[in-house]
N, C-alpha and C. Protein backbone atom coordinates (compact mmCIF):
# COMPACT_ATOMS: atom_id res chain seq x y z
N LEU A 1 0.82 -1.24 0.05
CA LEU A 1 -0.20 0.28 -0.36
C LEU A 1 0.71 1.55 -0.13
N TRP A 2 2.33 1.10 0.72
CA TRP A 2 3.05 2.43 0.89
C TRP A 2 3.68 2.64 -0.45
N LEU A 3 4.10 1.58 -1.08
CA LEU A 3 4.65 1.60 -2.59
C LEU A 3 3.41 2.34 -3.58
N GLU A 4 2.24 1.98 -3.22
CA GLU A 4 1.43 2.59 -3.90
C GLU A 4 1.26 3.91 -4.09
N PHE A 5 0.97 4.43 -3.13
CA PHE A 5 0.79 5.81 -2.46
C PHE A 5 2.15 6.63 -2.48
N GLY A 6 2.93 6.00 -2.80
CA GLY A 6 4.55 6.87 -3.36
C GLY A 6 4.60 6.51 -4.17
N ARG A 7 4.46 5.78 -5.22
CA ARG A 7 3.97 5.98 -6.92
C ARG A 7 2.68 7.37 -7.10
N PHE A 8 1.99 7.89 -6.34
CA PHE A 8 1.28 8.32 -6.83
C PHE A 8 0.98 9.62 -6.32
N SER A 9 2.20 9.28 -5.16
CA SER A 9 2.81 10.91 -4.92
C SER A 9 3.20 11.17 -5.69
N GLU A 10 4.15 10.52 -6.53
CA GLU A 10 5.22 10.96 -7.55
C GLU A 10 4.75 11.16 -8.66
N GLY A 11 3.73 10.63 -9.39
CA GLY A 11 3.50 10.48 -10.58
C GLY A 11 2.32 11.90 -10.23
N SER A 12 1.43 11.50 -9.63
CA SER A 12 0.39 12.30 -10.17
C SER A 12 0.00 14.02 -9.27
N GLN A 13 0.66 14.16 -8.27
CA GLN A 13 0.51 14.53 -7.55
C GLN A 13 1.95 15.74 -7.18
N HIS A 14 2.86 14.82 -8.57
CA HIS A 14 4.25 15.54 -8.63
C HIS A 14 4.93 15.95 -6.82
N ASP A 15 4.42 15.04 -5.71
CA ASP A 15 5.05 15.21 -4.59
C ASP A 15 6.02 14.54 -3.63
N LEU A 16 7.35 14.95 -4.52
CA LEU A 16 8.41 14.09 -4.10
C LEU A 16 8.70 13.61 -2.85
N ARG A 17 8.46 14.31 -1.58
CA ARG A 17 8.46 14.66 -0.71
C ARG A 17 7.76 13.99 0.07
N GLY A 18 6.49 13.86 -0.30
CA GLY A 18 5.54 12.36 0.02
C GLY A 18 5.70 11.24 -0.62
N ALA A 19 5.92 11.46 -1.67
CA ALA A 19 6.73 9.97 -2.18
C ALA A 19 7.70 9.13 -1.22
N GLU A 20 8.64 10.02 -1.33
CA GLU A 20 9.83 9.73 -0.31
C GLU A 20 9.37 8.88 0.89
N ALA A 21 8.40 9.80 1.31
CA ALA A 21 8.34 9.15 2.97
C ALA A 21 7.45 8.19 2.93
N ALA A 22 6.82 8.18 1.85
CA ALA A 22 5.98 6.94 1.75
C ALA A 22 6.44 5.53 1.50
N TYR A 23 7.70 5.55 0.07
CA TYR A 23 8.79 4.77 0.01
C TYR A 23 9.68 4.30 1.20
N ARG A 24 9.69 5.23 2.11
CA ARG A 24 10.74 5.02 3.47
C ARG A 24 10.01 4.14 4.30
N ARG A 25 8.41 4.64 4.55
CA ARG A 25 7.52 3.93 5.25
C ARG A 25 7.50 2.44 4.81
N ALA A 26 7.65 1.51 3.31
CA ALA A 26 7.42 0.43 2.71
C ALA A 26 8.45 0.09 3.13
N THR A 27 10.01 0.50 2.58
CA THR A 27 10.84 -0.21 3.40
C THR A 27 11.47 -0.29 4.50
N GLU A 28 10.61 0.38 5.33
CA GLU A 28 11.11 -0.07 6.68
C GLU A 28 9.83 -1.62 7.30
N LEU A 29 8.69 -1.20 6.23
CA LEU A 29 7.71 -2.37 7.08
C LEU A 29 7.88 -3.65 6.51
N VAL A 30 8.83 -3.91 5.36
CA VAL A 30 9.00 -4.95 4.32
C VAL A 30 10.99 -4.43 3.72
N PRO A 31 11.72 -4.64 4.88
CA PRO A 31 12.87 -4.37 4.42
C PRO A 31 13.62 -4.87 2.96
N ALA A 32 13.49 -6.12 2.77
CA ALA A 32 13.15 -7.09 1.53
C ALA A 32 13.00 -6.93 0.51
N HIS A 33 12.10 -6.01 0.66
CA HIS A 33 11.28 -5.58 -0.70
C HIS A 33 12.19 -4.50 -1.98
N ALA A 34 12.99 -5.58 -2.24
CA ALA A 34 13.85 -4.37 -3.36
C ALA A 34 13.07 -3.58 -4.46
N GLU A 35 11.82 -3.71 -4.88
CA GLU A 35 11.08 -2.62 -6.04
C GLU A 35 11.35 -1.41 -4.69
N ALA A 36 10.68 -1.71 -3.49
CA ALA A 36 10.18 -0.71 -2.63
C ALA A 36 11.56 0.47 -2.56
N ARG A 37 13.22 -0.28 -2.58
CA ARG A 37 14.17 0.38 -2.80
C ARG A 37 14.13 1.25 -3.32
N LEU A 38 14.17 0.35 -4.74
CA LEU A 38 14.82 0.66 -5.99
C LEU A 38 13.80 1.71 -5.94
N PHE A 39 12.87 2.37 -5.55
CA PHE A 39 12.01 3.71 -5.92
C PHE A 39 12.24 4.53 -4.91
N HIS A 40 12.96 3.75 -4.18
CA HIS A 40 13.33 5.23 -2.93
C HIS A 40 14.59 5.66 -3.29
N GLY A 41 15.37 4.78 -3.63
CA GLY A 41 16.53 5.06 -3.93
C GLY A 41 15.91 6.07 -5.25
N LEU A 42 15.94 5.88 -5.80
CA LEU A 42 15.16 6.74 -7.40
C LEU A 42 14.66 8.18 -7.11
N VAL A 43 13.93 8.22 -5.83
CA VAL A 43 13.05 9.87 -5.68
C VAL A 43 14.30 10.36 -4.41
N LEU A 44 14.95 10.03 -3.55
CA LEU A 44 16.01 10.32 -3.07
C LEU A 44 16.67 11.40 -4.56
N VAL A 45 17.68 10.23 -5.83
CA VAL A 45 18.09 11.11 -6.75
C VAL A 45 17.38 12.33 -6.94
N ARG A 46 15.99 11.91 -7.10
CA ARG A 46 15.43 13.84 -7.69
C ARG A 46 15.78 14.40 -6.53
N LEU A 47 15.38 14.31 -5.41
CA LEU A 47 15.72 14.70 -3.68
C LEU A 47 17.01 15.90 -3.91
N ALA A 48 18.04 14.95 -4.53
CA ALA A 48 19.72 15.55 -4.43
C ALA A 48 19.98 14.75 -2.89
N ASP A 49 19.46 13.82 -2.64
CA ASP A 49 19.99 12.88 -1.47
C ASP A 49 21.17 11.94 -2.26
N TYR A 50 21.92 12.37 -2.12
CA TYR A 50 22.93 11.21 -3.21
C TYR A 50 23.44 9.65 -2.35
N GLU A 51 23.48 9.99 -1.24
CA GLU A 51 24.10 9.29 -0.20
C GLU A 51 22.89 8.32 0.03
N GLY A 52 22.26 9.08 0.92
CA GLY A 52 20.76 8.28 0.54
C GLY A 52 20.15 7.19 -0.20
N ALA A 53 20.70 7.90 -1.86
CA ALA A 53 20.34 6.99 -2.94
C ALA A 53 21.37 6.02 -3.40
N LYS A 54 22.45 6.22 -3.27
CA LYS A 54 23.10 5.18 -3.31
C LYS A 54 22.85 3.59 -2.25
N ALA A 55 22.77 4.60 -0.96
CA ALA A 55 22.82 2.86 -0.31
C ALA A 55 21.31 2.33 -0.22
N GLU A 56 20.32 3.10 -1.14
CA GLU A 56 18.79 2.60 -1.52
C GLU A 56 18.79 1.21 -2.28
N LEU A 57 19.64 2.45 -2.93
CA LEU A 57 20.04 1.56 -4.61
C LEU A 57 21.18 0.16 -4.80
N GLN A 58 21.78 0.45 -3.82
CA GLN A 58 22.30 -0.95 -3.28
C GLN A 58 21.76 -1.69 -2.83
N ALA A 59 21.07 -1.69 -2.06
CA ALA A 59 20.31 -2.26 -1.51
C ALA A 59 19.39 -2.89 -2.07
N ALA A 60 18.71 -2.46 -2.91
CA ALA A 60 17.74 -2.79 -3.88
C ALA A 60 18.45 -3.83 -4.97
N LEU A 61 19.95 -3.59 -4.92
CA LEU A 61 20.43 -4.71 -6.20
C LEU A 61 20.71 -5.76 -5.50
N SER A 62 20.95 -5.72 -4.43
CA SER A 62 21.21 -6.95 -3.45
C SER A 62 20.43 -7.53 -2.89
N LEU A 63 19.28 -7.49 -3.40
CA LEU A 63 17.84 -7.83 -3.05
C LEU A 63 16.93 -8.91 -4.39
N ASP A 64 17.68 -8.08 -5.25
CA ASP A 64 17.49 -8.89 -6.67
C ASP A 64 17.66 -10.38 -6.60
N ASP A 65 16.60 -10.83 -6.65
CA ASP A 65 16.86 -12.81 -6.93
C ASP A 65 17.23 -13.35 -9.20
N GLY A 66 17.53 -11.70 -9.50
CA GLY A 66 17.99 -12.56 -10.73
C GLY A 66 15.95 -11.99 -11.57
N LYS A 67 15.37 -12.07 -11.43
CA LYS A 67 13.82 -12.41 -11.98
C LYS A 67 13.17 -11.35 -12.38
N ALA A 68 14.21 -9.72 -11.91
CA ALA A 68 13.83 -8.48 -12.28
C ALA A 68 13.44 -8.56 -13.93
N THR A 69 12.64 -8.21 -14.25
CA THR A 69 12.32 -7.59 -16.02
C THR A 69 12.52 -5.93 -16.16
């Protein structure tokens, strides 16, 4: 649910801060959710939080099981 709220905030509402909060909550609830970490990392890049983005994107890559398309 938090992942979808983040997508809505980012896409329809153009609310990067709201999207970041939603993606962060999604990763807190399910730390092993690679997609949530990916989207969180990408929105952090757009917010110029490069250190945070690097950590999230590395976490997403480490969780990828090779099935991502």
